[in-house]
Amino acid sequence: MTSLSALTLPDHTQLPDSDGTFVKNLQEHPQSILITDSIKPVLEQLHPDGQYCIGQDSGIYWRLTNPPEKGAEAPDWFYVPNVPPTLDGKMRRSYVLWKEYVAPLIVIEFVSGDGSEERDNTPPSQGEGGKVGKFWVYEQAIRVPYYGIYEVEKAQVEVYHLVNNNYQLMQPNERGHYPIVPMGVELGIWQGFYINAELPWLRWWDAQGNLLLTGYERAEVERQRA
């Protein structure tokens, strides 16, 4: 008989890094780049030691299942503070909670359908075929403090904050933004031109309401100033 001490839980190198589904629309990739690029200076100030990671369409494993990918959610974007950016000198294939323990501070989903999947609150005991709702997983299993649901077609974002073990829908401030207090930033909608598309993009602002610029935008400001 194998003792419990001999059992080892799988890590990120032993778990699937994809569930085989396609990215649902072409806007998701530039949107992820936009919010990653513009938040980097803030994260470098928050983490001068470089101890943080950002995931984009990467699996967060929260339970052991068969097949393994049924025990993961893959947010379109998430940020985890105070964890090393690599493991054993390798980039993570996924984020495995039972190996790292630290939950993401914020996850963001980009809606491609009607938004029901992102708001699905079905618990494990009621899910058909073992299916568990994405909203339930983030709120009750992973316990992510902030959950954003971005709908480009409606030009809106909903942000939920975990309060007393339940998500509360946040109300926007006077600028129409949602403060993410631990990061010292605000999240909201910016109507503008990015790469080659005019869209209501999801973007960050600082706590004073100044838009956080991408590297290209910062370079353009400096060029015009020069």
C-alpha atoms as a PDB file:
ATOM      1  CA  MET A   1       0.000   0.000   0.000  1.00  0.00           C
ATOM      2  CA  THR A   2       1.303   3.445  -0.912  1.00  0.00           C
ATOM      3  CA  SER A   3       1.573   5.806   2.024  1.00  0.00           C
ATOM      4  CA  LEU A   4       0.209   9.320   1.848  1.00  0.00           C
ATOM      5  CA  SER A   5       3.718  10.690   2.315  1.00  0.00           C
ATOM      6  CA  ALA A   6       4.758   8.985  -0.917  1.00  0.00           C
ATOM      7  CA  LEU A   7       2.033  10.645  -2.949  1.00  0.00           C
ATOM      8  CA  THR A   8       2.931  13.816  -4.826  1.00  0.00           C
ATOM      9  CA  LEU A   9       0.538  16.245  -6.405  1.00  0.00           C
ATOM     10  CA  PRO A  10       1.252  17.233 -10.039  1.00  0.00           C
ATOM     11  CA  ASP A  11       2.897  20.575 -10.780  1.00  0.00           C
ATOM     12  CA  HIS A  12       2.703  22.930 -13.756  1.00  0.00           C
ATOM     13  CA  THR A  13       5.003  20.739 -15.878  1.00  0.00           C
ATOM     14  CA  GLN A  14       2.715  17.705 -15.487  1.00  0.00           C
ATOM     15  CA  LEU A  15      -0.651  19.339 -16.198  1.00  0.00           C
ATOM     16  CA  PRO A  16      -2.151  20.304 -19.593  1.00  0.00           C
ATOM     17  CA  ASP A  17      -1.514  23.919 -20.584  1.00  0.00           C
ATOM     18  CA  SER A  18      -4.584  24.029 -22.846  1.00  0.00           C
ATOM     19  CA  ASP A  19      -8.088  22.596 -22.955  1.00  0.00           C
ATOM     20  CA  GLY A  20      -8.033  22.585 -26.743  1.00  0.00           C
ATOM     21  CA  THR A  21     -10.438  25.497 -27.227  1.00  0.00           C
ATOM     22  CA  PHE A  22      -9.784  28.422 -29.533  1.00  0.00           C
ATOM     23  CA  VAL A  23      -9.389  32.026 -28.440  1.00  0.00           C
ATOM     24  CA  LYS A  24     -12.912  33.254 -29.116  1.00  0.00           C
ATOM     25  CA  ASN A  25     -12.195  36.476 -31.016  1.00  0.00           C
ATOM     26  CA  LEU A  26      -9.246  38.361 -32.470  1.00  0.00           C
ATOM     27  CA  GLN A  27      -9.668  41.308 -30.098  1.00  0.00           C
ATOM     28  CA  GLU A  28      -8.696  39.278 -27.016  1.00  0.00           C
ATOM     29  CA  HIS A  29      -4.981  39.150 -27.801  1.00  0.00           C
ATOM     30  CA  PRO A  30      -4.408  42.916 -28.313  1.00  0.00           C
ATOM     31  CA  GLN A  31      -6.642  43.641 -25.317  1.00  0.00           C
ATOM     32  CA  SER A  32      -4.431  41.463 -23.106  1.00  0.00           C
ATOM     33  CA  ILE A  33      -1.291  43.140 -24.449  1.00  0.00           C
ATOM     34  CA  LEU A  34      -2.784  46.585 -23.796  1.00  0.00           C
ATOM     35  CA  ILE A  35      -3.569  46.025 -20.119  1.00  0.00           C
ATOM     36  CA  THR A  36      -0.317  44.126 -19.517  1.00  0.00           C
ATOM     37  CA  ASP A  37       1.922  46.715 -21.169  1.00  0.00           C
ATOM     38  CA  SER A  38       0.325  49.683 -19.408  1.00  0.00           C
ATOM     39  CA  ILE A  39       0.295  48.139 -15.907  1.00  0.00           C
ATOM     40  CA  LYS A  40       3.949  47.028 -15.925  1.00  0.00           C
ATOM     41  CA  PRO A  41       5.433  50.282 -14.495  1.00  0.00           C
ATOM     42  CA  VAL A  42       2.939  50.089 -11.606  1.00  0.00           C
ATOM     43  CA  LEU A  43       3.796  46.466 -10.864  1.00  0.00           C
ATOM     44  CA  GLU A  44       7.513  47.229 -11.010  1.00  0.00           C
ATOM     45  CA  GLN A  45       6.960  49.861  -8.318  1.00  0.00           C
ATOM     46  CA  LEU A  46       4.830  47.508  -6.220  1.00  0.00           C
ATOM     47  CA  HIS A  47       7.332  44.672  -6.655  1.00  0.00           C
ATOM     48  CA  PRO A  48      10.890  46.065  -6.950  1.00  0.00           C
ATOM     49  CA  ASP A  49      12.084  42.490  -6.390  1.00  0.00           C
ATOM     50  CA  GLY A  50      10.159  41.351  -9.486  1.00  0.00           C
ATOM     51  CA  GLN A  51       8.071  38.876  -7.520  1.00  0.00           C
ATOM     52  CA  TYR A  52       4.773  38.766  -9.399  1.00  0.00           C
ATOM     53  CA  CYS A  53       3.270  37.002 -12.381  1.00  0.00           C
ATOM     54  CA  ILE A  54       0.701  37.785 -15.053  1.00  0.00           C
ATOM     55  CA  GLY A  55      -1.313  35.121 -16.851  1.00  0.00           C
ATOM     56  CA  GLN A  56      -3.121  35.444 -20.179  1.00  0.00           C
ATOM     57  CA  ASP A  57      -5.406  32.567 -21.194  1.00  0.00           C
ATOM     58  CA  SER A  58      -3.429  30.408 -18.744  1.00  0.00           C
ATOM     59  CA  GLY A  59      -4.975  27.692 -16.618  1.00  0.00           C
ATOM     60  CA  ILE A  60      -5.413  28.147 -12.880  1.00  0.00           C
ATOM     61  CA  TYR A  61      -5.648  24.641 -11.391  1.00  0.00           C
ATOM     62  CA  TRP A  62      -7.812  24.639  -8.281  1.00  0.00           C
ATOM     63  CA  ARG A  63      -8.806  20.952  -7.939  1.00  0.00           C
ATOM     64  CA  LEU A  64      -7.668  17.502  -9.070  1.00  0.00           C
ATOM     65  CA  THR A  65      -9.960  15.958 -11.682  1.00  0.00           C
ATOM     66  CA  ASN A  66      -9.913  13.425 -14.475  1.00  0.00           C
ATOM     67  CA  PRO A  67      -9.224  14.712 -17.077  1.00  0.00           C
ATOM     68  CA  PRO A  68      -7.006  17.300 -15.336  1.00  0.00           C
ATOM     69  CA  GLU A  69      -8.140  20.310 -17.385  1.00  0.00           C
ATOM     70  CA  LYS A  70     -11.640  19.986 -15.896  1.00  0.00           C
ATOM     71  CA  GLY A  71     -10.112  21.198 -12.640  1.00  0.00           C
ATOM     72  CA  ALA A  72      -8.862  24.459 -14.106  1.00  0.00           C
ATOM     73  CA  GLU A  73     -10.188  27.835 -15.159  1.00  0.00           C
ATOM     74  CA  ALA A  74      -8.303  29.891 -17.735  1.00  0.00           C
ATOM     75  CA  PRO A  75      -9.035  33.609 -17.239  1.00  0.00           C
ATOM     76  CA  ASP A  76      -8.282  35.879 -20.153  1.00  0.00           C
ATOM     77  CA  TRP A  77      -6.034  37.896 -17.807  1.00  0.00           C
ATOM     78  CA  PHE A  78      -4.918  37.628 -14.197  1.00  0.00           C
ATOM     79  CA  TYR A  79      -2.296  39.011 -11.827  1.00  0.00           C
ATOM     80  CA  VAL A  80      -0.741  37.262  -8.830  1.00  0.00           C
ATOM     81  CA  PRO A  81       1.339  39.311  -6.364  1.00  0.00           C
ATOM     82  CA  ASN A  82       4.346  38.093  -4.400  1.00  0.00           C
ATOM     83  CA  VAL A  83       5.167  34.934  -6.342  1.00  0.00           C
ATOM     84  CA  PRO A  84       8.260  34.273  -8.479  1.00  0.00           C
ATOM     85  CA  PRO A  85       7.793  34.947 -12.211  1.00  0.00           C
ATOM     86  CA  THR A  86       9.387  31.594 -13.061  1.00  0.00           C
ATOM     87  CA  LEU A  87       9.716  28.197 -11.397  1.00  0.00           C
ATOM     88  CA  ASP A  88      13.031  26.348 -11.478  1.00  0.00           C
ATOM     89  CA  GLY A  89      14.190  28.686 -14.219  1.00  0.00           C
ATOM     90  CA  LYS A  90      11.201  27.899 -16.453  1.00  0.00           C
ATOM     91  CA  MET A  91       8.141  29.881 -17.423  1.00  0.00           C
ATOM     92  CA  ARG A  92       4.966  28.473 -15.926  1.00  0.00           C
ATOM     93  CA  ARG A  93       2.813  26.338 -18.198  1.00  0.00           C
ATOM     94  CA  SER A  94      -0.071  27.025 -15.818  1.00  0.00           C
ATOM     95  CA  TYR A  95      -0.714  28.289 -12.285  1.00  0.00           C
ATOM     96  CA  VAL A  96      -1.228  25.487  -9.754  1.00  0.00           C
ATOM     97  CA  LEU A  97      -2.825  26.598  -6.492  1.00  0.00           C
ATOM     98  CA  TRP A  98      -1.841  23.537  -4.474  1.00  0.00           C
ATOM     99  CA  LYS A  99       1.807  24.243  -5.288  1.00  0.00           C
ATOM    100  CA  GLU A 100       1.798  28.031  -4.859  1.00  0.00           C
ATOM    101  CA  TYR A 101      -1.039  28.769  -2.393  1.00  0.00           C
ATOM    102  CA  VAL A 102      -1.295  32.467  -3.359  1.00  0.00           C
ATOM    103  CA  ALA A 103      -4.526  33.308  -5.186  1.00  0.00           C
ATOM    104  CA  PRO A 104      -4.604  35.912  -7.970  1.00  0.00           C
ATOM    105  CA  LEU A 105      -5.521  39.401  -6.779  1.00  0.00           C
ATOM    106  CA  ILE A 106      -7.613  40.038  -9.892  1.00  0.00           C
ATOM    107  CA  VAL A 107      -8.938  37.981 -12.794  1.00  0.00           C
ATOM    108  CA  ILE A 108     -10.549  39.466 -15.902  1.00  0.00           C
ATOM    109  CA  GLU A 109     -12.748  37.705 -18.428  1.00  0.00           C
ATOM    110  CA  PHE A 110     -13.417  39.084 -21.918  1.00  0.00           C
ATOM    111  CA  VAL A 111     -16.978  38.219 -22.922  1.00  0.00           C
ATOM    112  CA  SER A 112     -17.483  36.819 -26.435  1.00  0.00           C
ATOM    113  CA  GLY A 113     -20.999  35.387 -26.023  1.00  0.00           C
ATOM    114  CA  ASP A 114     -23.922  36.646 -23.976  1.00  0.00           C
ATOM    115  CA  GLY A 115     -21.970  36.805 -20.694  1.00  0.00           C
ATOM    116  CA  SER A 116     -23.802  33.886 -19.076  1.00  0.00           C
ATOM    117  CA  GLU A 117     -20.647  31.754 -18.887  1.00  0.00           C
ATOM    118  CA  GLU A 118     -18.754  34.475 -17.024  1.00  0.00           C
ATOM    119  CA  ARG A 119     -21.664  34.932 -14.587  1.00  0.00           C
ATOM    120  CA  ASP A 120     -22.404  31.233 -14.067  1.00  0.00           C
ATOM    121  CA  ASN A 121     -22.697  30.631 -10.312  1.00  0.00           C
ATOM    122  CA  THR A 122     -23.370  26.863 -10.465  1.00  0.00           C
ATOM    123  CA  PRO A 123     -21.757  25.004  -7.512  1.00  0.00           C
ATOM    124  CA  PRO A 124     -20.163  21.546  -7.922  1.00  0.00           C
ATOM    125  CA  SER A 125     -23.140  19.754  -6.368  1.00  0.00           C
ATOM    126  CA  GLN A 126     -25.529  21.059  -9.036  1.00  0.00           C
ATOM    127  CA  GLY A 127     -23.408  21.184 -12.174  1.00  0.00           C
ATOM    128  CA  GLU A 128     -24.500  18.822 -14.938  1.00  0.00           C
ATOM    129  CA  GLY A 129     -21.710  16.386 -15.732  1.00  0.00           C
ATOM    130  CA  GLY A 130     -19.565  17.892 -12.984  1.00  0.00           C
ATOM    131  CA  LYS A 131     -19.538  21.323 -14.637  1.00  0.00           C
ATOM    132  CA  VAL A 132     -18.894  24.161 -12.211  1.00  0.00           C
ATOM    133  CA  GLY A 133     -19.747  27.802 -12.918  1.00  0.00           C
ATOM    134  CA  LYS A 134     -16.873  30.180 -13.591  1.00  0.00           C
ATOM    135  CA  PHE A 135     -18.268  32.832 -11.212  1.00  0.00           C
ATOM    136  CA  TRP A 136     -18.585  30.228  -8.412  1.00  0.00           C
ATOM    137  CA  VAL A 137     -15.000  29.038  -8.921  1.00  0.00           C
ATOM    138  CA  TYR A 138     -13.517  32.521  -8.688  1.00  0.00           C
ATOM    139  CA  GLU A 139     -15.677  33.478  -5.701  1.00  0.00           C
ATOM    140  CA  GLN A 140     -15.838  30.306  -3.603  1.00  0.00           C
ATOM    141  CA  ALA A 141     -12.946  28.061  -4.683  1.00  0.00           C
ATOM    142  CA  ILE A 142     -10.045  30.285  -5.746  1.00  0.00           C
ATOM    143  CA  ARG A 143     -11.390  33.273  -3.755  1.00  0.00           C
ATOM    144  CA  VAL A 144     -10.080  35.996  -6.049  1.00  0.00           C
ATOM    145  CA  PRO A 145     -10.507  39.427  -4.401  1.00  0.00           C
ATOM    146  CA  TYR A 146     -11.434  41.221  -7.650  1.00  0.00           C
ATOM    147  CA  TYR A 147     -13.239  39.782 -10.673  1.00  0.00           C
ATOM    148  CA  GLY A 148     -13.786  41.849 -13.829  1.00  0.00           C
ATOM    149  CA  ILE A 149     -16.176  40.972 -16.671  1.00  0.00           C
ATOM    150  CA  TYR A 150     -15.444  43.040 -19.775  1.00  0.00           C
ATOM    151  CA  GLU A 151     -17.964  43.234 -22.633  1.00  0.00           C
ATOM    152  CA  VAL A 152     -16.600  45.114 -25.626  1.00  0.00           C
ATOM    153  CA  GLU A 153     -19.911  44.979 -27.522  1.00  0.00           C
ATOM    154  CA  LYS A 154     -21.669  46.742 -24.633  1.00  0.00           C
ATOM    155  CA  ALA A 155     -18.686  49.033 -23.945  1.00  0.00           C
ATOM    156  CA  GLN A 156     -18.813  48.110 -20.261  1.00  0.00           C
ATOM    157  CA  VAL A 157     -16.993  46.319 -17.487  1.00  0.00           C
ATOM    158  CA  GLU A 158     -18.456  44.872 -14.293  1.00  0.00           C
ATOM    159  CA  VAL A 159     -16.131  44.505 -11.316  1.00  0.00           C
ATOM    160  CA  TYR A 160     -16.895  42.338  -8.297  1.00  0.00           C
ATOM    161  CA  HIS A 161     -15.121  42.598  -4.944  1.00  0.00           C
ATOM    162  CA  LEU A 162     -14.950  39.717  -2.479  1.00  0.00           C
ATOM    163  CA  VAL A 163     -16.558  40.958   0.757  1.00  0.00           C
ATOM    164  CA  ASN A 164     -17.404  38.608   3.639  1.00  0.00           C
ATOM    165  CA  ASN A 165     -16.787  35.581   1.396  1.00  0.00           C
ATOM    166  CA  ASN A 166     -19.175  36.740  -1.340  1.00  0.00           C
ATOM    167  CA  TYR A 167     -18.809  38.876  -4.446  1.00  0.00           C
ATOM    168  CA  GLN A 168     -20.342  42.332  -4.248  1.00  0.00           C
ATOM    169  CA  LEU A 169     -20.891  44.259  -7.485  1.00  0.00           C
ATOM    170  CA  MET A 170     -18.815  47.429  -7.239  1.00  0.00           C
ATOM    171  CA  GLN A 171     -20.202  50.837  -8.126  1.00  0.00           C
ATOM    172  CA  PRO A 172     -18.063  53.087 -10.336  1.00  0.00           C
ATOM    173  CA  ASN A 173     -16.521  56.257  -8.937  1.00  0.00           C
ATOM    174  CA  GLU A 174     -17.143  59.766 -10.268  1.00  0.00           C
ATOM    175  CA  ARG A 175     -14.903  59.003 -13.260  1.00  0.00           C
ATOM    176  CA  GLY A 176     -16.817  55.854 -14.134  1.00  0.00           C
ATOM    177  CA  HIS A 177     -13.871  53.706 -12.991  1.00  0.00           C
ATOM    178  CA  TYR A 178     -13.484  50.886 -10.483  1.00  0.00           C
ATOM    179  CA  PRO A 179     -10.685  51.311  -7.903  1.00  0.00           C
ATOM    180  CA  ILE A 180      -8.484  48.244  -7.397  1.00  0.00           C
ATOM    181  CA  VAL A 181      -7.169  49.537  -4.090  1.00  0.00           C
ATOM    182  CA  PRO A 182      -4.278  47.091  -3.418  1.00  0.00           C
ATOM    183  CA  MET A 183      -2.783  48.004  -6.812  1.00  0.00           C
ATOM    184  CA  GLY A 184      -3.435  51.741  -6.466  1.00  0.00           C
ATOM    185  CA  VAL A 185      -5.151  51.841  -9.871  1.00  0.00           C
ATOM    186  CA  GLU A 186      -8.594  52.096 -11.443  1.00  0.00           C
ATOM    187  CA  LEU A 187     -10.142  49.952 -14.152  1.00  0.00           C
ATOM    188  CA  GLY A 188     -12.516  51.319 -16.770  1.00  0.00           C
ATOM    189  CA  ILE A 189     -13.465  51.753 -20.421  1.00  0.00           C
ATOM    190  CA  TRP A 190     -11.467  53.954 -22.817  1.00  0.00           C
ATOM    191  CA  GLN A 191     -12.853  54.723 -26.255  1.00  0.00           C
ATOM    192  CA  GLY A 192      -9.886  55.077 -28.549  1.00  0.00           C
ATOM    193  CA  PHE A 193      -7.572  53.769 -31.248  1.00  0.00           C
ATOM    194  CA  TYR A 194      -5.196  50.958 -30.338  1.00  0.00           C
ATOM    195  CA  ILE A 195      -3.061  49.033 -32.860  1.00  0.00           C
ATOM    196  CA  ASN A 196      -5.463  49.393 -35.806  1.00  0.00           C
ATOM    197  CA  ALA A 197      -8.921  49.373 -34.207  1.00  0.00           C
ATOM    198  CA  GLU A 198     -11.195  52.030 -32.742  1.00  0.00           C
ATOM    199  CA  LEU A 199     -12.968  50.272 -29.860  1.00  0.00           C
ATOM    200  CA  PRO A 200     -14.092  50.719 -26.241  1.00  0.00           C
ATOM    201  CA  TRP A 201     -10.935  49.171 -24.764  1.00  0.00           C
ATOM    202  CA  LEU A 202     -10.464  48.055 -21.164  1.00  0.00           C
ATOM    203  CA  ARG A 203      -7.726  50.156 -19.559  1.00  0.00           C
ATOM    204  CA  TRP A 204      -6.075  51.263 -16.314  1.00  0.00           C
ATOM    205  CA  TRP A 205      -5.875  54.692 -14.713  1.00  0.00           C
ATOM    206  CA  ASP A 206      -3.920  55.768 -11.641  1.00  0.00           C
ATOM    207  CA  ALA A 207      -5.709  56.783  -8.438  1.00  0.00           C
ATOM    208  CA  GLN A 208      -5.770  60.426  -9.607  1.00  0.00           C
ATOM    209  CA  GLY A 209      -7.539  59.516 -12.846  1.00  0.00           C
ATOM    210  CA  ASN A 210      -4.537  59.688 -15.195  1.00  0.00           C
ATOM    211  CA  LEU A 211      -4.574  57.113 -17.989  1.00  0.00           C
ATOM    212  CA  LEU A 212      -1.733  54.593 -17.699  1.00  0.00           C
ATOM    213  CA  LEU A 213       0.074  54.633 -21.025  1.00  0.00           C
ATOM    214  CA  THR A 214       1.609  51.820 -23.015  1.00  0.00           C
ATOM    215  CA  GLY A 215       5.315  51.875 -23.834  1.00  0.00           C
ATOM    216  CA  TYR A 216       4.545  53.158 -27.335  1.00  0.00           C
ATOM    217  CA  GLU A 217       2.285  55.906 -25.986  1.00  0.00           C
ATOM    218  CA  ARG A 218       4.949  56.976 -23.482  1.00  0.00           C
ATOM    219  CA  ALA A 219       7.535  57.129 -26.269  1.00  0.00           C
ATOM    220  CA  GLU A 220       5.163  59.234 -28.396  1.00  0.00           C
ATOM    221  CA  VAL A 221       4.656  61.682 -25.530  1.00  0.00           C
ATOM    222  CA  GLU A 222       8.416  62.008 -25.105  1.00  0.00           C
ATOM    223  CA  ARG A 223       8.926  62.433 -28.858  1.00  0.00           C
ATOM    224  CA  GLN A 224       6.391  65.236 -29.046  1.00  0.00           C
ATOM    225  CA  ARG A 225       7.850  66.847 -25.945  1.00  0.00           C
ATOM    226  CA  ALA A 226      11.332  66.740 -27.523  1.00  0.00           C
END
